[in-house]
N, C-alpha and C. Protein backbone atom coordinates (compact mmCIF):
# COMPACT_ATOMS: atom_id res chain seq x y z
N UNK A 1 10.48 106.76 -46.58
CA UNK A 1 11.73 107.24 -45.96
C UNK A 1 11.51 108.69 -45.31
N UNK A 2 12.22 108.88 -44.28
CA UNK A 2 11.81 109.95 -43.44
C UNK A 2 12.99 110.98 -43.59
N UNK A 3 13.16 112.15 -44.39
CA UNK A 3 14.08 113.04 -44.48
C UNK A 3 14.75 113.46 -43.06
N UNK A 4 13.98 113.65 -42.09
CA UNK A 4 14.48 114.12 -40.78
C UNK A 4 15.31 113.10 -40.17
N UNK A 5 15.10 111.82 -40.30
CA UNK A 5 15.73 110.68 -39.91
C UNK A 5 17.13 110.57 -40.61
N UNK A 6 17.08 110.83 -41.86
CA UNK A 6 18.03 110.73 -42.59
C UNK A 6 19.09 111.90 -42.34
N UNK A 7 18.60 113.12 -42.28
CA UNK A 7 19.35 114.19 -41.82
C UNK A 7 20.08 113.94 -40.40
N UNK A 8 19.39 113.47 -39.42
CA UNK A 8 19.98 113.03 -38.16
C UNK A 8 21.05 112.13 -38.39
N UNK A 9 20.94 111.09 -39.11
CA UNK A 9 21.77 109.99 -39.37
C UNK A 9 23.13 110.66 -39.75
N UNK A 10 23.13 111.49 -40.98
CA UNK A 10 24.27 112.15 -41.53
C UNK A 10 25.02 113.04 -40.71
N UNK A 11 24.36 113.75 -39.79
CA UNK A 11 24.84 114.85 -39.02
C UNK A 11 25.32 114.28 -37.65
N UNK A 12 24.99 113.11 -37.48
CA UNK A 12 25.45 112.50 -36.12
C UNK A 12 26.46 111.24 -36.44
N UNK A 13 26.94 111.13 -37.56
CA UNK A 13 27.88 110.22 -37.86
C UNK A 13 29.21 110.66 -37.30
N UNK A 14 30.03 109.82 -36.54
CA UNK A 14 31.30 110.24 -36.18
C UNK A 14 32.35 109.06 -36.24
N UNK A 15 33.58 109.45 -36.13
CA UNK A 15 34.61 108.30 -36.16
C UNK A 15 34.68 107.92 -34.71
N UNK A 16 34.55 106.62 -34.48
CA UNK A 16 34.75 106.10 -33.11
C UNK A 16 35.89 105.14 -33.18
N UNK A 17 37.01 105.61 -32.35
CA UNK A 17 38.44 104.98 -32.75
C UNK A 17 38.60 103.66 -31.74
N UNK A 18 39.48 102.64 -32.10
CA UNK A 18 39.57 101.38 -31.30
C UNK A 18 39.50 101.50 -29.88
N UNK A 19 40.17 102.58 -29.35
CA UNK A 19 40.20 102.79 -27.86
C UNK A 19 38.77 103.10 -27.37
N UNK A 20 37.99 103.45 -28.13
CA UNK A 20 36.54 103.71 -27.69
C UNK A 20 35.66 102.58 -27.98
N UNK A 21 36.09 101.36 -28.42
CA UNK A 21 35.18 100.10 -28.40
C UNK A 21 35.08 99.52 -27.20
N UNK A 22 34.18 98.64 -26.95
CA UNK A 22 33.80 97.69 -26.00
C UNK A 22 34.85 96.57 -26.41
N UNK A 23 36.11 96.48 -25.84
CA UNK A 23 37.03 95.35 -26.36
C UNK A 23 36.39 93.93 -26.01
N UNK A 24 36.55 93.02 -27.24
CA UNK A 24 36.01 91.73 -26.90
C UNK A 24 34.53 91.54 -27.45
N UNK A 25 33.72 92.71 -27.45
CA UNK A 25 32.50 92.44 -27.68
C UNK A 25 32.04 92.40 -29.16
N UNK A 26 31.63 91.12 -29.67
CA UNK A 26 31.36 90.94 -31.06
C UNK A 26 30.11 91.54 -31.73
N UNK A 27 30.10 92.14 -32.89
CA UNK A 27 29.05 92.56 -33.69
C UNK A 27 28.63 91.30 -34.42
N UNK A 28 27.34 90.96 -34.51
CA UNK A 28 26.74 89.90 -35.27
C UNK A 28 27.27 90.04 -36.73
N UNK A 29 27.75 88.85 -37.37
CA UNK A 29 28.21 88.72 -38.60
C UNK A 29 27.05 89.18 -39.69
N UNK A 30 25.92 88.79 -39.30
CA UNK A 30 24.85 89.14 -40.18
C UNK A 30 24.59 90.77 -40.35
N UNK A 31 24.93 91.42 -39.46
CA UNK A 31 24.82 92.85 -39.33
C UNK A 31 26.00 93.38 -40.23
N UNK A 32 27.10 92.76 -40.16
CA UNK A 32 28.32 93.26 -41.00
C UNK A 32 28.13 92.88 -42.47
N UNK A 33 27.37 91.80 -42.66
CA UNK A 33 26.92 91.47 -44.14
C UNK A 33 25.98 92.51 -44.60
N UNK A 34 25.09 92.97 -43.79
CA UNK A 34 24.33 94.12 -44.25
C UNK A 34 24.82 95.39 -44.52
N UNK A 35 25.72 95.71 -43.65
CA UNK A 35 26.66 96.93 -43.88
C UNK A 35 27.49 96.84 -45.26
N UNK A 36 27.91 95.70 -45.42
CA UNK A 36 28.85 95.36 -46.75
C UNK A 36 27.74 95.53 -47.93
N UNK A 37 26.56 94.91 -47.63
CA UNK A 37 25.46 95.17 -48.90
C UNK A 37 25.20 96.60 -49.23
N UNK A 38 25.06 97.33 -48.12
CA UNK A 38 24.90 98.68 -48.19
C UNK A 38 25.97 99.41 -49.08
N UNK A 39 27.18 99.02 -48.73
CA UNK A 39 28.36 99.46 -49.34
C UNK A 39 28.47 99.37 -50.80
N UNK A 40 27.98 98.20 -51.24
CA UNK A 40 27.87 97.82 -52.68
C UNK A 40 26.97 98.55 -53.50
N UNK A 41 26.07 99.41 -52.73
CA UNK A 41 25.16 100.19 -53.46
C UNK A 41 25.64 101.63 -53.62
N UNK A 42 26.83 101.82 -53.49
CA UNK A 42 27.45 103.09 -53.87
C UNK A 42 27.39 103.44 -55.36
N UNK A 43 27.24 104.59 -55.64
CA UNK A 43 27.48 104.95 -57.09
C UNK A 43 28.71 104.77 -57.63
N UNK A 44 28.96 104.28 -58.94
CA UNK A 44 30.15 103.96 -59.58
C UNK A 44 30.03 104.19 -60.96
N UNK A 45 31.10 104.61 -61.64
CA UNK A 45 31.15 104.95 -63.02
C UNK A 45 31.13 103.58 -63.83
N UNK A 46 30.39 103.49 -64.75
CA UNK A 46 30.40 102.27 -65.61
C UNK A 46 30.04 101.02 -65.12
N UNK A 47 29.21 101.05 -64.16
CA UNK A 47 29.02 99.88 -63.29
C UNK A 47 30.10 98.85 -63.01
N UNK A 48 31.20 99.65 -62.71
CA UNK A 48 32.38 98.77 -62.62
C UNK A 48 32.59 98.14 -61.18
N UNK A 49 31.98 98.75 -60.25
CA UNK A 49 32.00 98.24 -58.91
C UNK A 49 33.34 97.74 -58.57
N UNK A 50 34.24 98.89 -58.27
CA UNK A 50 35.63 98.68 -58.15
C UNK A 50 36.10 98.33 -56.82
N UNK A 51 35.11 98.15 -55.78
CA UNK A 51 35.41 97.82 -54.35
C UNK A 51 35.76 96.16 -54.36
N UNK A 52 36.62 95.97 -53.18
CA UNK A 52 36.98 94.78 -52.76
C UNK A 52 37.25 94.60 -51.30
N UNK A 53 36.55 93.97 -50.72
CA UNK A 53 36.61 93.90 -49.17
C UNK A 53 37.12 92.60 -48.52
N UNK A 54 38.09 92.72 -47.76
CA UNK A 54 38.51 91.62 -46.98
C UNK A 54 38.17 91.74 -45.51
N UNK A 55 37.43 90.81 -45.03
CA UNK A 55 36.90 91.01 -43.49
C UNK A 55 37.76 90.11 -42.75
N UNK A 56 38.01 90.65 -41.48
CA UNK A 56 38.82 90.00 -40.38
C UNK A 56 37.92 89.98 -39.20
N UNK A 57 37.78 88.87 -38.48
CA UNK A 57 36.99 88.80 -37.19
C UNK A 57 37.39 87.63 -36.51
N UNK A 58 37.13 87.57 -35.32
CA UNK A 58 37.51 86.38 -34.36
C UNK A 58 38.99 86.35 -34.38
N UNK A 59 39.66 85.04 -34.56
CA UNK A 59 41.07 84.93 -34.46
C UNK A 59 41.59 85.50 -35.97
N UNK A 60 40.87 86.10 -36.92
CA UNK A 60 41.28 86.61 -38.08
C UNK A 60 41.96 88.05 -37.63
N UNK A 61 41.44 88.55 -36.53
CA UNK A 61 41.85 90.00 -36.07
C UNK A 61 43.31 89.76 -35.54
N UNK A 62 43.76 88.70 -34.84
CA UNK A 62 45.31 88.51 -34.62
C UNK A 62 46.02 88.34 -35.82
N UNK A 63 45.58 87.68 -36.72
CA UNK A 63 46.16 87.29 -38.06
C UNK A 63 46.47 88.69 -38.63
N UNK A 64 45.47 89.42 -38.77
CA UNK A 64 45.60 90.89 -39.39
C UNK A 64 46.63 91.78 -38.67
N UNK A 65 46.53 91.59 -37.25
CA UNK A 65 47.53 92.26 -36.56
C UNK A 65 48.86 91.83 -36.74
N UNK A 66 49.21 90.77 -36.87
CA UNK A 66 50.44 90.22 -36.92
C UNK A 66 50.97 90.50 -38.48
N UNK A 67 49.98 90.27 -39.38
CA UNK A 67 50.53 90.67 -40.78
C UNK A 67 50.89 92.00 -41.03
N UNK A 68 50.22 92.95 -40.45
CA UNK A 68 50.52 94.28 -40.50
C UNK A 68 51.61 94.90 -39.82
N UNK A 69 51.73 94.33 -38.53
CA UNK A 69 52.87 94.62 -37.61
C UNK A 69 54.21 94.28 -38.30
N UNK A 70 54.14 93.02 -38.84
CA UNK A 70 55.37 92.53 -39.33
C UNK A 70 55.85 92.97 -40.68
N UNK A 71 54.68 93.43 -41.58
CA UNK A 71 54.99 94.12 -42.74
C UNK A 71 55.61 95.52 -42.32
N UNK A 72 54.99 96.36 -41.61
CA UNK A 72 55.52 97.63 -41.14
C UNK A 72 56.92 97.49 -40.63
N UNK A 73 57.34 96.43 -39.82
CA UNK A 73 58.64 96.25 -39.36
C UNK A 73 59.69 96.06 -40.40
N UNK A 74 59.26 95.24 -41.31
CA UNK A 74 60.21 94.93 -42.55
C UNK A 74 60.40 96.12 -43.46
N UNK A 75 59.29 96.88 -43.72
CA UNK A 75 59.38 98.01 -44.63
C UNK A 75 59.67 99.32 -44.29
N UNK A 76 59.64 99.51 -42.92
CA UNK A 76 59.90 100.88 -42.27
C UNK A 76 61.23 101.32 -42.31
N UNK A 77 62.18 100.41 -42.22
CA UNK A 77 63.63 100.70 -42.02
C UNK A 77 63.91 101.70 -40.93
N UNK A 78 64.62 102.80 -41.41
CA UNK A 78 64.97 103.79 -40.44
C UNK A 78 63.94 104.51 -39.79
N UNK A 79 62.78 104.53 -40.35
CA UNK A 79 61.47 105.25 -39.95
C UNK A 79 60.71 104.40 -38.92
N UNK A 80 61.25 103.13 -38.60
CA UNK A 80 60.53 102.16 -37.65
C UNK A 80 60.44 102.93 -36.26
N UNK A 81 59.30 102.86 -35.63
CA UNK A 81 58.81 103.34 -34.39
C UNK A 81 58.32 102.32 -33.62
N UNK A 82 58.92 101.92 -32.36
CA UNK A 82 58.15 100.77 -31.66
C UNK A 82 57.01 101.16 -31.18
N UNK A 83 56.44 102.27 -31.03
CA UNK A 83 55.17 102.60 -30.72
C UNK A 83 54.13 102.33 -31.78
N UNK A 84 54.50 102.60 -33.02
CA UNK A 84 53.58 102.32 -34.04
C UNK A 84 53.44 100.89 -34.29
N UNK A 85 54.54 100.10 -34.02
CA UNK A 85 54.64 98.71 -34.25
C UNK A 85 53.80 98.04 -33.08
N UNK A 86 53.74 98.65 -31.88
CA UNK A 86 52.70 97.98 -30.88
C UNK A 86 51.31 98.39 -31.21
N UNK A 87 51.08 99.62 -31.59
CA UNK A 87 49.75 100.02 -32.13
C UNK A 87 49.10 99.14 -33.01
N UNK A 88 50.03 98.74 -34.10
CA UNK A 88 49.65 97.88 -35.26
C UNK A 88 49.29 96.45 -34.67
N UNK A 89 49.93 95.95 -33.55
CA UNK A 89 49.62 94.79 -33.12
C UNK A 89 48.35 94.67 -32.05
N UNK A 90 48.16 95.89 -31.51
CA UNK A 90 47.06 95.90 -30.32
C UNK A 90 45.92 96.47 -30.80
N UNK A 91 45.61 97.57 -31.62
CA UNK A 91 44.41 98.04 -31.95
C UNK A 91 43.53 97.10 -32.74
N UNK A 92 43.93 96.29 -33.71
CA UNK A 92 43.00 95.40 -34.33
C UNK A 92 42.34 94.46 -33.27
N UNK A 93 42.90 94.18 -32.10
CA UNK A 93 42.28 93.31 -31.21
C UNK A 93 40.99 93.85 -30.35
N UNK A 94 41.01 95.32 -30.51
CA UNK A 94 39.83 95.91 -29.91
C UNK A 94 38.61 96.01 -30.64
N UNK A 95 38.83 95.64 -31.98
CA UNK A 95 37.69 95.66 -32.81
C UNK A 95 36.78 94.40 -32.99
N UNK A 96 35.56 94.39 -33.44
CA UNK A 96 34.86 93.11 -33.72
C UNK A 96 35.14 92.74 -35.08
N UNK A 97 35.12 93.63 -35.90
CA UNK A 97 35.47 93.22 -37.37
C UNK A 97 36.45 94.49 -37.97
N UNK A 98 37.28 94.03 -38.98
CA UNK A 98 38.16 95.04 -39.49
C UNK A 98 37.90 94.74 -41.11
N UNK A 99 37.65 95.73 -41.85
CA UNK A 99 37.34 95.57 -43.35
C UNK A 99 38.54 96.17 -44.00
N UNK A 100 39.35 95.46 -44.72
CA UNK A 100 40.40 95.82 -45.58
C UNK A 100 39.64 96.45 -46.89
N UNK A 101 39.87 97.76 -47.16
CA UNK A 101 39.21 98.37 -48.21
C UNK A 101 40.19 98.45 -49.42
N UNK A 102 39.82 97.56 -50.58
CA UNK A 102 40.44 97.70 -51.70
C UNK A 102 39.85 98.25 -52.75
N UNK A 103 40.57 98.83 -53.80
CA UNK A 103 40.05 99.43 -55.13
C UNK A 103 40.68 98.48 -56.06
N UNK A 104 39.77 97.73 -56.87
CA UNK A 104 40.11 97.00 -58.00
C UNK A 104 39.74 97.95 -59.10
N UNK A 105 40.89 98.02 -60.07
CA UNK A 105 40.59 98.76 -61.21
C UNK A 105 39.68 98.25 -62.11
N UNK A 106 38.73 98.98 -62.66
CA UNK A 106 37.63 98.46 -63.58
C UNK A 106 38.26 98.19 -64.91
N UNK A 107 37.62 97.30 -65.62
CA UNK A 107 38.06 96.91 -66.90
C UNK A 107 37.89 97.90 -68.02
N UNK A 108 36.97 98.94 -67.81
CA UNK A 108 36.79 99.83 -68.75
C UNK A 108 37.90 100.78 -68.88
N UNK A 109 38.67 100.85 -69.88
CA UNK A 109 39.90 101.67 -69.99
C UNK A 109 39.80 103.10 -70.16
N UNK A 110 38.38 103.51 -70.23
CA UNK A 110 38.18 105.08 -70.33
C UNK A 110 37.67 105.60 -68.99
N UNK A 111 37.61 104.93 -67.89
CA UNK A 111 37.45 105.38 -66.52
C UNK A 111 38.66 105.75 -65.94
N UNK A 112 38.85 107.03 -65.67
CA UNK A 112 39.99 107.33 -64.94
C UNK A 112 39.98 106.73 -63.42
N UNK A 113 41.38 106.38 -62.94
CA UNK A 113 41.47 105.90 -61.69
C UNK A 113 40.82 106.70 -60.62
N UNK A 114 40.89 107.98 -60.70
CA UNK A 114 40.24 108.75 -59.55
C UNK A 114 38.76 108.39 -59.52
N UNK A 115 38.11 108.03 -60.64
CA UNK A 115 36.67 107.73 -60.46
C UNK A 115 36.50 106.38 -59.67
N UNK A 116 37.31 105.39 -59.92
CA UNK A 116 37.18 104.20 -59.08
C UNK A 116 37.45 104.56 -57.65
N UNK A 117 38.41 105.35 -57.38
CA UNK A 117 38.69 105.71 -55.91
C UNK A 117 37.55 106.45 -55.29
N UNK A 118 37.12 107.28 -55.98
CA UNK A 118 35.73 108.10 -55.54
C UNK A 118 34.56 107.11 -55.27
N UNK A 119 34.47 106.12 -56.05
CA UNK A 119 33.42 104.99 -55.94
C UNK A 119 33.71 104.21 -54.72
N UNK A 120 34.82 103.95 -54.48
CA UNK A 120 35.07 103.36 -53.16
C UNK A 120 35.03 104.04 -51.98
N UNK A 121 35.28 105.34 -51.97
CA UNK A 121 35.04 106.47 -50.99
C UNK A 121 33.52 106.45 -50.64
N UNK A 122 32.78 106.50 -51.85
CA UNK A 122 31.20 106.42 -51.45
C UNK A 122 30.77 105.18 -50.86
N UNK A 123 31.33 104.12 -51.07
CA UNK A 123 31.13 102.72 -50.34
C UNK A 123 31.40 102.90 -48.92
N UNK A 124 32.64 103.43 -48.71
CA UNK A 124 33.02 103.65 -47.30
C UNK A 124 32.08 104.51 -46.63
N UNK A 125 31.43 105.62 -47.09
CA UNK A 125 30.50 106.50 -46.68
C UNK A 125 29.32 105.75 -46.30
N UNK A 126 28.92 104.67 -47.14
CA UNK A 126 27.86 103.95 -46.88
C UNK A 126 28.02 102.98 -45.72
N UNK A 127 29.19 102.43 -45.52
CA UNK A 127 29.72 101.79 -44.52
C UNK A 127 29.52 102.58 -43.18
N UNK A 128 30.09 103.72 -43.11
CA UNK A 128 29.80 104.68 -42.12
C UNK A 128 28.54 104.91 -41.64
N UNK A 129 27.58 105.38 -42.67
CA UNK A 129 26.19 105.69 -42.28
C UNK A 129 25.64 104.27 -41.71
N UNK A 130 25.89 103.16 -42.16
CA UNK A 130 25.10 101.98 -41.88
C UNK A 130 25.79 101.58 -40.48
N UNK A 131 26.95 101.69 -40.13
CA UNK A 131 27.57 101.39 -38.86
C UNK A 131 26.62 102.37 -37.88
N UNK A 132 26.67 103.63 -38.08
CA UNK A 132 26.01 104.64 -37.21
C UNK A 132 24.39 104.08 -37.01
N UNK A 133 23.83 103.69 -38.07
CA UNK A 133 22.38 103.34 -38.20
C UNK A 133 22.15 102.13 -37.11
N UNK A 134 23.05 101.28 -37.00
CA UNK A 134 23.23 100.15 -36.08
C UNK A 134 23.58 100.44 -34.85
N UNK A 135 24.00 101.60 -34.43
CA UNK A 135 24.29 101.89 -33.07
C UNK A 135 25.76 101.53 -32.77
N UNK A 136 26.51 101.35 -33.87
CA UNK A 136 27.96 100.82 -33.60
C UNK A 136 28.99 101.89 -33.89
N UNK A 137 30.20 101.68 -33.64
CA UNK A 137 31.23 102.68 -33.88
C UNK A 137 31.95 102.07 -35.04
N UNK A 138 32.55 103.14 -35.74
CA UNK A 138 33.33 102.79 -36.86
C UNK A 138 34.54 103.79 -37.27
N UNK A 139 35.58 103.36 -37.68
CA UNK A 139 36.65 104.09 -37.93
C UNK A 139 37.42 103.74 -39.17
N UNK A 140 37.56 104.64 -40.16
CA UNK A 140 38.30 104.49 -41.36
C UNK A 140 39.74 105.01 -41.21
N UNK A 141 40.79 104.02 -41.19
CA UNK A 141 42.11 104.44 -41.07
C UNK A 141 42.96 104.26 -42.44
N UNK A 142 43.76 105.20 -42.80
CA UNK A 142 44.65 104.92 -43.75
C UNK A 142 46.21 105.15 -43.50
N UNK A 143 46.28 104.68 -42.14
CA UNK A 143 47.67 104.63 -41.43
C UNK A 143 48.25 103.18 -41.73
N UNK A 144 49.31 103.05 -40.99
CA UNK A 144 49.98 101.66 -40.92
C UNK A 144 50.63 101.39 -42.22
N UNK A 145 50.06 100.18 -42.78
CA UNK A 145 50.46 99.56 -44.03
C UNK A 145 49.80 100.07 -45.31
N UNK A 146 48.91 100.99 -45.16
CA UNK A 146 48.06 101.32 -46.25
C UNK A 146 48.65 101.41 -47.60
N UNK A 147 49.81 102.41 -47.54
CA UNK A 147 50.47 102.88 -48.77
C UNK A 147 51.72 102.21 -49.01
N UNK A 148 51.95 101.03 -48.32
CA UNK A 148 53.17 100.15 -48.71
C UNK A 148 52.80 99.22 -49.87
N UNK A 149 53.51 99.25 -50.96
CA UNK A 149 53.16 98.40 -52.20
C UNK A 149 52.99 97.15 -51.76
N UNK A 150 53.98 96.56 -50.91
CA UNK A 150 53.75 95.06 -50.76
C UNK A 150 52.64 94.67 -49.98
N UNK A 151 51.79 95.60 -49.30
CA UNK A 151 50.77 95.31 -48.56
C UNK A 151 49.54 94.87 -49.57
N UNK A 152 49.54 95.34 -50.68
CA UNK A 152 48.30 94.98 -51.62
C UNK A 152 48.25 93.62 -51.86
N UNK A 153 49.51 92.85 -52.01
CA UNK A 153 48.98 91.36 -52.19
C UNK A 153 48.58 90.52 -51.07
N UNK A 154 48.59 91.17 -49.71
CA UNK A 154 48.05 90.52 -48.65
C UNK A 154 46.59 90.41 -48.74
N UNK A 155 45.95 91.35 -49.61
CA UNK A 155 44.33 91.55 -49.70
C UNK A 155 44.06 91.15 -51.03
N UNK A 156 44.67 90.36 -52.00
CA UNK A 156 44.39 90.20 -53.10
C UNK A 156 44.29 91.25 -54.26
N UNK A 157 44.98 92.11 -53.97
CA UNK A 157 44.99 93.31 -54.98
C UNK A 157 46.16 93.43 -55.77
N UNK A 158 46.02 93.67 -57.10
CA UNK A 158 47.07 93.57 -58.17
C UNK A 158 47.93 94.78 -58.31
N UNK A 159 48.75 94.90 -59.30
CA UNK A 159 49.68 96.01 -59.43
C UNK A 159 48.85 97.44 -59.67
N UNK A 160 47.71 97.30 -60.37
CA UNK A 160 46.96 98.52 -60.69
C UNK A 160 45.89 98.98 -59.68
N UNK A 161 45.81 97.98 -58.67
CA UNK A 161 44.82 98.27 -57.73
C UNK A 161 45.36 99.06 -56.57
N UNK A 162 44.51 99.44 -55.67
CA UNK A 162 44.95 100.29 -54.49
C UNK A 162 44.40 99.63 -53.23
N UNK A 163 45.22 99.78 -52.09
CA UNK A 163 44.68 99.65 -50.95
C UNK A 163 44.12 101.00 -50.09
N UNK A 164 43.11 100.95 -49.86
CA UNK A 164 42.57 102.38 -49.25
C UNK A 164 42.30 102.44 -47.95
N UNK A 165 42.84 101.53 -47.29
CA UNK A 165 42.76 101.63 -45.62
C UNK A 165 41.92 100.48 -45.10
N UNK A 166 41.67 100.70 -43.90
CA UNK A 166 41.00 99.63 -43.10
C UNK A 166 39.83 100.29 -42.30
N UNK A 167 38.77 99.71 -42.22
CA UNK A 167 37.59 100.06 -41.42
C UNK A 167 37.25 99.17 -40.28
N UNK A 168 37.57 99.95 -39.01
CA UNK A 168 37.30 99.00 -37.91
C UNK A 168 35.92 99.29 -37.54
N UNK A 169 35.16 98.20 -37.03
CA UNK A 169 33.97 98.12 -36.35
C UNK A 169 33.83 97.58 -34.92
N UNK A 170 33.26 98.35 -34.12
CA UNK A 170 33.02 97.63 -32.74
C UNK A 170 31.71 98.26 -31.99
N UNK A 171 31.33 97.66 -30.82
CA UNK A 171 30.47 98.42 -30.03
C UNK A 171 31.22 99.48 -29.39
N UNK A 172 30.44 100.52 -29.08
CA UNK A 172 30.71 101.83 -28.58
C UNK A 172 30.84 101.71 -26.92
N UNK A 173 31.98 101.97 -26.37
CA UNK A 173 32.06 102.13 -24.90
C UNK A 173 32.00 103.53 -24.70
N UNK A 174 32.77 104.33 -25.42
CA UNK A 174 32.94 105.82 -25.16
C UNK A 174 32.57 106.52 -26.33
N UNK A 175 31.44 107.15 -26.40
CA UNK A 175 30.87 107.93 -27.51
C UNK A 175 31.90 109.07 -28.01
N UNK A 176 31.95 109.44 -29.36
CA UNK A 176 32.74 110.50 -29.66
C UNK A 176 32.07 111.86 -29.40
N UNK A 177 32.65 112.83 -29.32
CA UNK A 177 31.95 114.14 -28.97
C UNK A 177 31.35 114.69 -30.39
N UNK A 178 30.41 115.59 -30.12
CA UNK A 178 29.79 116.25 -31.30
C UNK A 178 30.88 117.22 -31.98
N UNK A 179 30.69 116.97 -33.10
CA UNK A 179 31.73 117.93 -34.17
C UNK A 179 30.76 119.13 -34.60
N UNK A 180 31.53 120.01 -35.12
CA UNK A 180 30.98 121.25 -35.76
C UNK A 180 31.31 121.30 -37.24
N UNK A 181 30.74 121.90 -38.13
CA UNK A 181 31.05 122.13 -39.47
C UNK A 181 30.76 123.61 -39.81
N UNK A 182 31.49 124.05 -40.88
CA UNK A 182 31.31 125.40 -41.34
C UNK A 182 29.81 125.45 -41.92
N UNK A 183 29.13 126.62 -41.60
CA UNK A 183 27.86 126.87 -42.35
C UNK A 183 27.96 126.66 -43.85
N UNK A 184 26.83 126.02 -44.37
CA UNK A 184 26.89 125.94 -45.89
C UNK A 184 27.16 127.07 -46.65
N UNK A 185 26.77 128.20 -46.07
CA UNK A 185 26.97 129.54 -46.81
C UNK A 185 28.43 129.84 -46.78
N UNK A 186 29.37 129.29 -46.06
CA UNK A 186 30.75 129.49 -46.03
C UNK A 186 31.52 128.74 -46.98
N UNK A 187 30.91 127.58 -47.61
CA UNK A 187 31.49 126.78 -48.53
C UNK A 187 30.73 126.59 -49.81
N UNK A 188 29.88 127.55 -49.91
CA UNK A 188 29.10 127.52 -50.99
C UNK A 188 28.90 128.74 -52.01
N UNK A 189 28.83 128.51 -53.26
CA UNK A 189 28.52 129.70 -54.21
C UNK A 189 27.40 129.24 -55.00
N UNK A 190 26.36 130.22 -54.93
CA UNK A 190 25.19 130.22 -55.67
C UNK A 190 25.16 130.98 -56.78
N UNK A 191 24.95 130.45 -57.98
CA UNK A 191 24.87 131.30 -59.35
C UNK A 191 23.25 131.31 -59.87
N UNK A 192 22.79 132.33 -59.68
CA UNK A 192 21.24 132.27 -60.10
C UNK A 192 21.05 132.90 -61.38
N UNK A 193 22.05 133.48 -62.17
CA UNK A 193 22.00 134.27 -63.32
C UNK A 193 23.03 133.83 -64.50
């Protein structure tokens, strides 16, 4: 392994939004399988592996778009916005694959929920890095129906589980701009004695 290559990978990872994808260009399913395999190697407490992924591709993207837009319409009440509904119908069709990210609570009673959520977040970081290494674009969204309780059942999640959003994957048409970060010295305290 080459540390310089890894440093470059981490520092060049960017969110690539659905409007930046090459619409209709499919990523090979085997690449997505490798990305998911990498996701499952995330650290997790007690070997609970709390992640659960539901993959939409092909005609499944239309099914996902219909499911989420209709649930949004039913659940949003007076907060309904036509623009949001339209986005929920159209954005999925711009992706090659969409991964619904679920957190299934581990059976170990002594593991706090936050640790399962952290493990799933680590899995998503592995997805992000993998997508970047394949030269693809990816975007993790927690918008739309993510926090609607009734959405969980659509993805095989139970009462104690969490829907943690959706990861969109596609070929990049418009690259994201470079980002900046604070210098490590601004966010770090060293204690040497």
